[in-house]
């Protein structure tokens, strides 16, 4: 089983008329997705569906760049608590050769955290866990190793062994000779010459 995890987060800003977020009362993040299979990959496409209850209090909004935040315009307000839903787009791609044929990746959300920020906004963060079966590895069959013998060695090794045996036998022959001296004389200028027959 292969497991991939990563963090996601989203920051939300509300109209000044609601006041300043005081506390996140309840938050849930639910992944909703489908699989799309291409020639090269398996794609998980969908949304992280966020539902959130936020308590507001009176206060002034700080000046900040709104491009960093997701603007929430409509809240269902009951007393001091406002409720909203939001869908964060999701797109995950896994190479097809990394997934076992016939299996589909699963995706779930864990550790949802939320807090208010100094910018009169809230931040919601969560951990995404994606699991999928990896391809089965072909395990090599167990092969019994042959008993080592001279025939299993390389030809060069065999030649080296044979030559060392020959050298050892020649040395042994010389060592086995009796000690002593022999005297043999050869005339250095003796050249046999055939006499031509006289006619």
C-alpha atoms as a PDB file:
ATOM      1  CA  UNK A   1       0.000   0.000   0.000  1.00  0.00           C
ATOM      2  CA  UNK A   2       1.383   3.387  -1.040  1.00  0.00           C
ATOM      3  CA  UNK A   3       0.472   6.428   1.091  1.00  0.00           C
ATOM      4  CA  UNK A   4       0.913  10.095   0.172  1.00  0.00           C
ATOM      5  CA  UNK A   5       0.054  12.935   2.573  1.00  0.00           C
ATOM      6  CA  UNK A   6       0.033  16.691   2.155  1.00  0.00           C
ATOM      7  CA  UNK A   7      -1.423  19.815   3.773  1.00  0.00           C
ATOM      8  CA  UNK A   8      -4.146  22.081   2.444  1.00  0.00           C
ATOM      9  CA  UNK A   9      -5.441  25.345   3.829  1.00  0.00           C
ATOM     10  CA  UNK A  10      -7.879  28.102   2.975  1.00  0.00           C
ATOM     11  CA  UNK A  11      -8.364  31.570   4.472  1.00  0.00           C
ATOM     12  CA  UNK A  12     -11.799  33.193   4.568  1.00  0.00           C
ATOM     13  CA  UNK A  13     -12.762  36.861   4.863  1.00  0.00           C
ATOM     14  CA  UNK A  14     -16.244  38.145   5.721  1.00  0.00           C
ATOM     15  CA  UNK A  15     -18.149  41.399   5.097  1.00  0.00           C
ATOM     16  CA  UNK A  16     -17.566  44.128   7.698  1.00  0.00           C
ATOM     17  CA  UNK A  17     -21.272  44.145   8.489  1.00  0.00           C
ATOM     18  CA  UNK A  18     -20.896  40.806  10.298  1.00  0.00           C
ATOM     19  CA  UNK A  19     -18.163  42.104  12.589  1.00  0.00           C
ATOM     20  CA  UNK A  20     -14.928  40.281  13.422  1.00  0.00           C
ATOM     21  CA  UNK A  21     -14.676  36.483  13.711  1.00  0.00           C
ATOM     22  CA  UNK A  22     -14.285  35.583  17.387  1.00  0.00           C
ATOM     23  CA  UNK A  23     -14.204  31.789  17.300  1.00  0.00           C
ATOM     24  CA  UNK A  24     -14.751  28.884  14.933  1.00  0.00           C
ATOM     25  CA  UNK A  25     -17.461  26.802  16.631  1.00  0.00           C
ATOM     26  CA  UNK A  26     -17.526  23.859  14.264  1.00  0.00           C
ATOM     27  CA  UNK A  27     -15.849  22.981  10.995  1.00  0.00           C
ATOM     28  CA  UNK A  28     -15.891  19.941   8.725  1.00  0.00           C
ATOM     29  CA  UNK A  29     -13.982  19.213   5.519  1.00  0.00           C
ATOM     30  CA  UNK A  30     -15.332  16.401   3.353  1.00  0.00           C
ATOM     31  CA  UNK A  31     -13.667  15.277   0.127  1.00  0.00           C
ATOM     32  CA  UNK A  32     -16.019  14.596  -2.786  1.00  0.00           C
ATOM     33  CA  UNK A  33     -14.351  13.244  -5.912  1.00  0.00           C
ATOM     34  CA  UNK A  34     -14.366  10.931  -8.907  1.00  0.00           C
ATOM     35  CA  UNK A  35     -11.629   9.119 -10.804  1.00  0.00           C
ATOM     36  CA  UNK A  36     -10.619   9.910 -14.358  1.00  0.00           C
ATOM     37  CA  UNK A  37      -8.302   7.521 -16.172  1.00  0.00           C
ATOM     38  CA  UNK A  38      -6.090   8.706 -19.036  1.00  0.00           C
ATOM     39  CA  UNK A  39      -3.441   6.830 -20.997  1.00  0.00           C
ATOM     40  CA  UNK A  40      -0.696   7.934 -18.605  1.00  0.00           C
ATOM     41  CA  UNK A  41      -2.368   8.713 -15.269  1.00  0.00           C
ATOM     42  CA  UNK A  42      -5.231   8.302 -12.827  1.00  0.00           C
ATOM     43  CA  UNK A  43      -6.739  11.626 -11.797  1.00  0.00           C
ATOM     44  CA  UNK A  44      -8.735  12.325  -8.647  1.00  0.00           C
ATOM     45  CA  UNK A  45     -10.935  15.319  -9.452  1.00  0.00           C
ATOM     46  CA  UNK A  46     -13.462  16.946  -7.157  1.00  0.00           C
ATOM     47  CA  UNK A  47     -13.787  19.302  -4.187  1.00  0.00           C
ATOM     48  CA  UNK A  48     -13.083  19.632  -0.491  1.00  0.00           C
ATOM     49  CA  UNK A  49     -16.536  20.545   0.829  1.00  0.00           C
ATOM     50  CA  UNK A  50     -16.196  22.870   3.834  1.00  0.00           C
ATOM     51  CA  UNK A  51     -19.007  23.543   6.326  1.00  0.00           C
ATOM     52  CA  UNK A  52     -18.277  26.023   9.088  1.00  0.00           C
ATOM     53  CA  UNK A  53     -19.978  27.759  12.051  1.00  0.00           C
ATOM     54  CA  UNK A  54     -18.262  31.013  13.087  1.00  0.00           C
ATOM     55  CA  UNK A  55     -19.052  33.231  16.059  1.00  0.00           C
ATOM     56  CA  UNK A  56     -18.719  36.971  15.398  1.00  0.00           C
ATOM     57  CA  UNK A  57     -18.213  39.976  17.651  1.00  0.00           C
ATOM     58  CA  UNK A  58     -18.107  43.701  17.046  1.00  0.00           C
ATOM     59  CA  UNK A  59     -14.784  45.070  15.895  1.00  0.00           C
ATOM     60  CA  UNK A  60     -12.875  46.849  13.191  1.00  0.00           C
ATOM     61  CA  UNK A  61     -11.357  45.076  10.207  1.00  0.00           C
ATOM     62  CA  UNK A  62      -7.618  45.526   9.707  1.00  0.00           C
ATOM     63  CA  UNK A  63      -6.325  46.678   6.349  1.00  0.00           C
ATOM     64  CA  UNK A  64      -4.963  43.778   4.295  1.00  0.00           C
ATOM     65  CA  UNK A  65      -4.624  42.471   0.778  1.00  0.00           C
ATOM     66  CA  UNK A  66      -7.876  40.672  -0.029  1.00  0.00           C
ATOM     67  CA  UNK A  67      -6.252  38.609  -2.818  1.00  0.00           C
ATOM     68  CA  UNK A  68      -4.854  36.218  -0.201  1.00  0.00           C
ATOM     69  CA  UNK A  69      -8.308  35.391   1.142  1.00  0.00           C
ATOM     70  CA  UNK A  70     -11.508  33.808  -0.131  1.00  0.00           C
ATOM     71  CA  UNK A  71     -14.343  36.278   0.258  1.00  0.00           C
ATOM     72  CA  UNK A  72     -17.554  34.890   1.810  1.00  0.00           C
ATOM     73  CA  UNK A  73     -20.537  37.103   0.967  1.00  0.00           C
ATOM     74  CA  UNK A  74     -23.471  35.096   2.287  1.00  0.00           C
ATOM     75  CA  UNK A  75     -23.802  33.630   5.773  1.00  0.00           C
ATOM     76  CA  UNK A  76     -26.769  32.017   7.460  1.00  0.00           C
ATOM     77  CA  UNK A  77     -26.716  33.973  10.728  1.00  0.00           C
ATOM     78  CA  UNK A  78     -28.428  32.839  13.914  1.00  0.00           C
ATOM     79  CA  UNK A  79     -27.645  35.240  16.727  1.00  0.00           C
ATOM     80  CA  UNK A  80     -23.881  35.699  16.898  1.00  0.00           C
ATOM     81  CA  UNK A  81     -23.067  32.590  14.878  1.00  0.00           C
ATOM     82  CA  UNK A  82     -22.827  32.529  11.103  1.00  0.00           C
ATOM     83  CA  UNK A  83     -22.841  29.395   8.967  1.00  0.00           C
ATOM     84  CA  UNK A  84     -21.345  29.020   5.500  1.00  0.00           C
ATOM     85  CA  UNK A  85     -20.325  26.346   3.010  1.00  0.00           C
ATOM     86  CA  UNK A  86     -17.529  26.479   0.498  1.00  0.00           C
ATOM     87  CA  UNK A  87     -16.023  24.129  -2.097  1.00  0.00           C
ATOM     88  CA  UNK A  88     -12.241  24.111  -2.606  1.00  0.00           C
ATOM     89  CA  UNK A  89     -11.257  22.576  -5.979  1.00  0.00           C
ATOM     90  CA  UNK A  90      -9.274  19.342  -5.849  1.00  0.00           C
ATOM     91  CA  UNK A  91      -7.080  17.748  -8.505  1.00  0.00           C
ATOM     92  CA  UNK A  92      -4.635  14.933  -7.816  1.00  0.00           C
ATOM     93  CA  UNK A  93      -2.716  13.037 -10.480  1.00  0.00           C
ATOM     94  CA  UNK A  94      -0.923   9.700 -10.061  1.00  0.00           C
ATOM     95  CA  UNK A  95       1.123   8.034 -12.810  1.00  0.00           C
ATOM     96  CA  UNK A  96      -0.717   4.966 -14.092  1.00  0.00           C
ATOM     97  CA  UNK A  97       2.328   2.695 -13.765  1.00  0.00           C
ATOM     98  CA  UNK A  98       2.473   3.489 -10.024  1.00  0.00           C
ATOM     99  CA  UNK A  99      -0.999   2.016  -9.382  1.00  0.00           C
ATOM    100  CA  UNK A 100      -1.915  -1.645  -9.474  1.00  0.00           C
ATOM    101  CA  UNK A 101      -4.228  -2.348 -12.442  1.00  0.00           C
ATOM    102  CA  UNK A 102      -7.860  -2.674 -11.386  1.00  0.00           C
ATOM    103  CA  UNK A 103      -7.440  -0.734  -8.126  1.00  0.00           C
ATOM    104  CA  UNK A 104      -8.493   2.853  -7.431  1.00  0.00           C
ATOM    105  CA  UNK A 105      -6.827   5.403  -5.141  1.00  0.00           C
ATOM    106  CA  UNK A 106      -8.749   6.501  -2.043  1.00  0.00           C
ATOM    107  CA  UNK A 107      -8.558   9.940  -0.510  1.00  0.00           C
ATOM    108  CA  UNK A 108      -9.611  11.174   2.925  1.00  0.00           C
ATOM    109  CA  UNK A 109      -9.129  14.195   5.174  1.00  0.00           C
ATOM    110  CA  UNK A 110      -7.657  14.184   8.678  1.00  0.00           C
ATOM    111  CA  UNK A 111      -6.642  16.690  11.370  1.00  0.00           C
ATOM    112  CA  UNK A 112      -8.922  19.592  10.476  1.00  0.00           C
ATOM    113  CA  UNK A 113      -7.800  22.721  12.353  1.00  0.00           C
ATOM    114  CA  UNK A 114      -9.159  26.244  12.362  1.00  0.00           C
ATOM    115  CA  UNK A 115      -8.325  29.564  13.976  1.00  0.00           C
ATOM    116  CA  UNK A 116      -9.061  33.256  13.695  1.00  0.00           C
ATOM    117  CA  UNK A 117      -6.369  35.581  12.390  1.00  0.00           C
ATOM    118  CA  UNK A 118      -5.345  39.163  13.081  1.00  0.00           C
ATOM    119  CA  UNK A 119      -6.806  40.144   9.694  1.00  0.00           C
ATOM    120  CA  UNK A 120     -10.416  39.571  10.849  1.00  0.00           C
ATOM    121  CA  UNK A 121     -10.491  36.338   8.919  1.00  0.00           C
ATOM    122  CA  UNK A 122     -10.344  32.638   9.690  1.00  0.00           C
ATOM    123  CA  UNK A 123      -7.953  29.956   8.486  1.00  0.00           C
ATOM    124  CA  UNK A 124      -8.969  26.343   7.997  1.00  0.00           C
ATOM    125  CA  UNK A 125      -6.232  23.744   7.483  1.00  0.00           C
ATOM    126  CA  UNK A 126      -6.402  19.995   6.949  1.00  0.00           C
ATOM    127  CA  UNK A 127      -4.231  17.012   6.103  1.00  0.00           C
ATOM    128  CA  UNK A 128      -5.008  14.956   3.002  1.00  0.00           C
ATOM    129  CA  UNK A 129      -4.174  11.245   2.933  1.00  0.00           C
ATOM    130  CA  UNK A 130      -4.176   9.413  -0.392  1.00  0.00           C
ATOM    131  CA  UNK A 131      -3.769   5.624  -0.475  1.00  0.00           C
ATOM    132  CA  UNK A 132      -3.401   3.279  -3.413  1.00  0.00           C
ATOM    133  CA  UNK A 133      -2.101  -0.177  -4.224  1.00  0.00           C
ATOM    134  CA  UNK A 134       1.289  -0.085  -5.913  1.00  0.00           C
ATOM    135  CA  UNK A 135       2.127  -2.447  -8.787  1.00  0.00           C
ATOM    136  CA  UNK A 136       2.926  -6.014  -7.770  1.00  0.00           C
ATOM    137  CA  UNK A 137       6.608  -6.770  -7.997  1.00  0.00           C
ATOM    138  CA  UNK A 138       7.605  -9.989  -9.732  1.00  0.00           C
ATOM    139  CA  UNK A 139       9.628 -11.800  -7.112  1.00  0.00           C
ATOM    140  CA  UNK A 140      12.356 -13.996  -8.677  1.00  0.00           C
ATOM    141  CA  UNK A 141      11.921 -17.707  -8.069  1.00  0.00           C
ATOM    142  CA  UNK A 142      14.369 -19.198  -5.611  1.00  0.00           C
ATOM    143  CA  UNK A 143      17.167 -20.959  -7.476  1.00  0.00           C
ATOM    144  CA  UNK A 144      19.428 -23.481  -5.764  1.00  0.00           C
ATOM    145  CA  UNK A 145      23.058 -22.578  -6.180  1.00  0.00           C
ATOM    146  CA  UNK A 146      25.174 -25.399  -7.650  1.00  0.00           C
ATOM    147  CA  UNK A 147      27.900 -26.874  -5.496  1.00  0.00           C
ATOM    148  CA  UNK A 148      31.193 -25.152  -6.334  1.00  0.00           C
ATOM    149  CA  UNK A 149      33.478 -27.265  -8.490  1.00  0.00           C
ATOM    150  CA  UNK A 150      36.367 -26.720 -10.848  1.00  0.00           C
ATOM    151  CA  UNK A 151      33.981 -26.765 -13.819  1.00  0.00           C
ATOM    152  CA  UNK A 152      32.036 -23.744 -12.512  1.00  0.00           C
ATOM    153  CA  UNK A 153      35.122 -21.529 -12.454  1.00  0.00           C
ATOM    154  CA  UNK A 154      36.078 -19.312 -15.345  1.00  0.00           C
ATOM    155  CA  UNK A 155      38.474 -20.723 -17.956  1.00  0.00           C
ATOM    156  CA  UNK A 156      41.230 -18.264 -16.961  1.00  0.00           C
ATOM    157  CA  UNK A 157      41.037 -19.425 -13.355  1.00  0.00           C
ATOM    158  CA  UNK A 158      41.238 -23.089 -14.463  1.00  0.00           C
ATOM    159  CA  UNK A 159      44.300 -22.318 -16.592  1.00  0.00           C
ATOM    160  CA  UNK A 160      45.971 -20.555 -13.665  1.00  0.00           C
ATOM    161  CA  UNK A 161      45.298 -23.515 -11.376  1.00  0.00           C
ATOM    162  CA  UNK A 162      46.685 -26.008 -13.944  1.00  0.00           C
ATOM    163  CA  UNK A 163      49.839 -23.964 -14.570  1.00  0.00           C
ATOM    164  CA  UNK A 164      50.530 -23.554 -10.857  1.00  0.00           C
ATOM    165  CA  UNK A 165      50.184 -27.346 -10.396  1.00  0.00           C
ATOM    166  CA  UNK A 166      52.710 -27.949 -13.217  1.00  0.00           C
ATOM    167  CA  UNK A 167      55.238 -25.510 -11.722  1.00  0.00           C
ATOM    168  CA  UNK A 168      54.889 -27.131  -8.317  1.00  0.00           C
ATOM    169  CA  UNK A 169      55.499 -30.636  -9.789  1.00  0.00           C
ATOM    170  CA  UNK A 170      58.627 -29.472 -11.671  1.00  0.00           C
ATOM    171  CA  UNK A 171      60.033 -27.852  -8.536  1.00  0.00           C
ATOM    172  CA  UNK A 172      59.336 -31.014  -6.590  1.00  0.00           C
ATOM    173  CA  UNK A 173      61.203 -33.055  -9.240  1.00  0.00           C
ATOM    174  CA  UNK A 174      64.298 -30.830  -8.904  1.00  0.00           C
ATOM    175  CA  UNK A 175      64.160 -30.972  -5.113  1.00  0.00           C
ATOM    176  CA  UNK A 176      64.024 -34.792  -5.246  1.00  0.00           C
ATOM    177  CA  UNK A 177      67.299 -35.023  -7.252  1.00  0.00           C
ATOM    178  CA  UNK A 178      70.361 -36.349  -5.368  1.00  0.00           C
ATOM    179  CA  UNK A 179      73.025 -33.839  -4.496  1.00  0.00           C
ATOM    180  CA  UNK A 180      76.313 -34.352  -6.352  1.00  0.00           C
ATOM    181  CA  UNK A 181      78.410 -33.307  -9.321  1.00  0.00           C
ATOM    182  CA  UNK A 182      78.852 -34.917 -12.664  1.00  0.00           C
ATOM    183  CA  UNK A 183      81.710 -34.161 -15.053  1.00  0.00           C
ATOM    184  CA  UNK A 184      81.200 -34.242 -18.763  1.00  0.00           C
ATOM    185  CA  UNK A 185      83.745 -32.849 -21.236  1.00  0.00           C
ATOM    186  CA  UNK A 186      82.957 -31.595 -24.656  1.00  0.00           C
ATOM    187  CA  UNK A 187      85.701 -30.404 -26.992  1.00  0.00           C
ATOM    188  CA  UNK A 188      84.770 -26.887 -27.905  1.00  0.00           C
ATOM    189  CA  UNK A 189      86.485 -26.902 -31.297  1.00  0.00           C
ATOM    190  CA  UNK A 190      85.607 -30.409 -32.396  1.00  0.00           C
ATOM    191  CA  UNK A 191      83.833 -30.243 -35.731  1.00  0.00           C
ATOM    192  CA  UNK A 192      83.372 -33.529 -37.514  1.00  0.00           C
ATOM    193  CA  UNK A 193      84.370 -33.243 -41.171  1.00  0.00           C
ATOM    194  CA  UNK A 194      83.697 -35.881 -43.759  1.00  0.00           C
ATOM    195  CA  UNK A 195      86.715 -36.752 -45.831  1.00  0.00           C
ATOM    196  CA  UNK A 196      86.094 -36.647 -49.559  1.00  0.00           C
ATOM    197  CA  UNK A 197      86.951 -39.891 -51.177  1.00  0.00           C
ATOM    198  CA  UNK A 198      90.008 -39.685 -53.398  1.00  0.00           C
ATOM    199  CA  UNK A 199      89.333 -40.312 -57.001  1.00  0.00           C
END
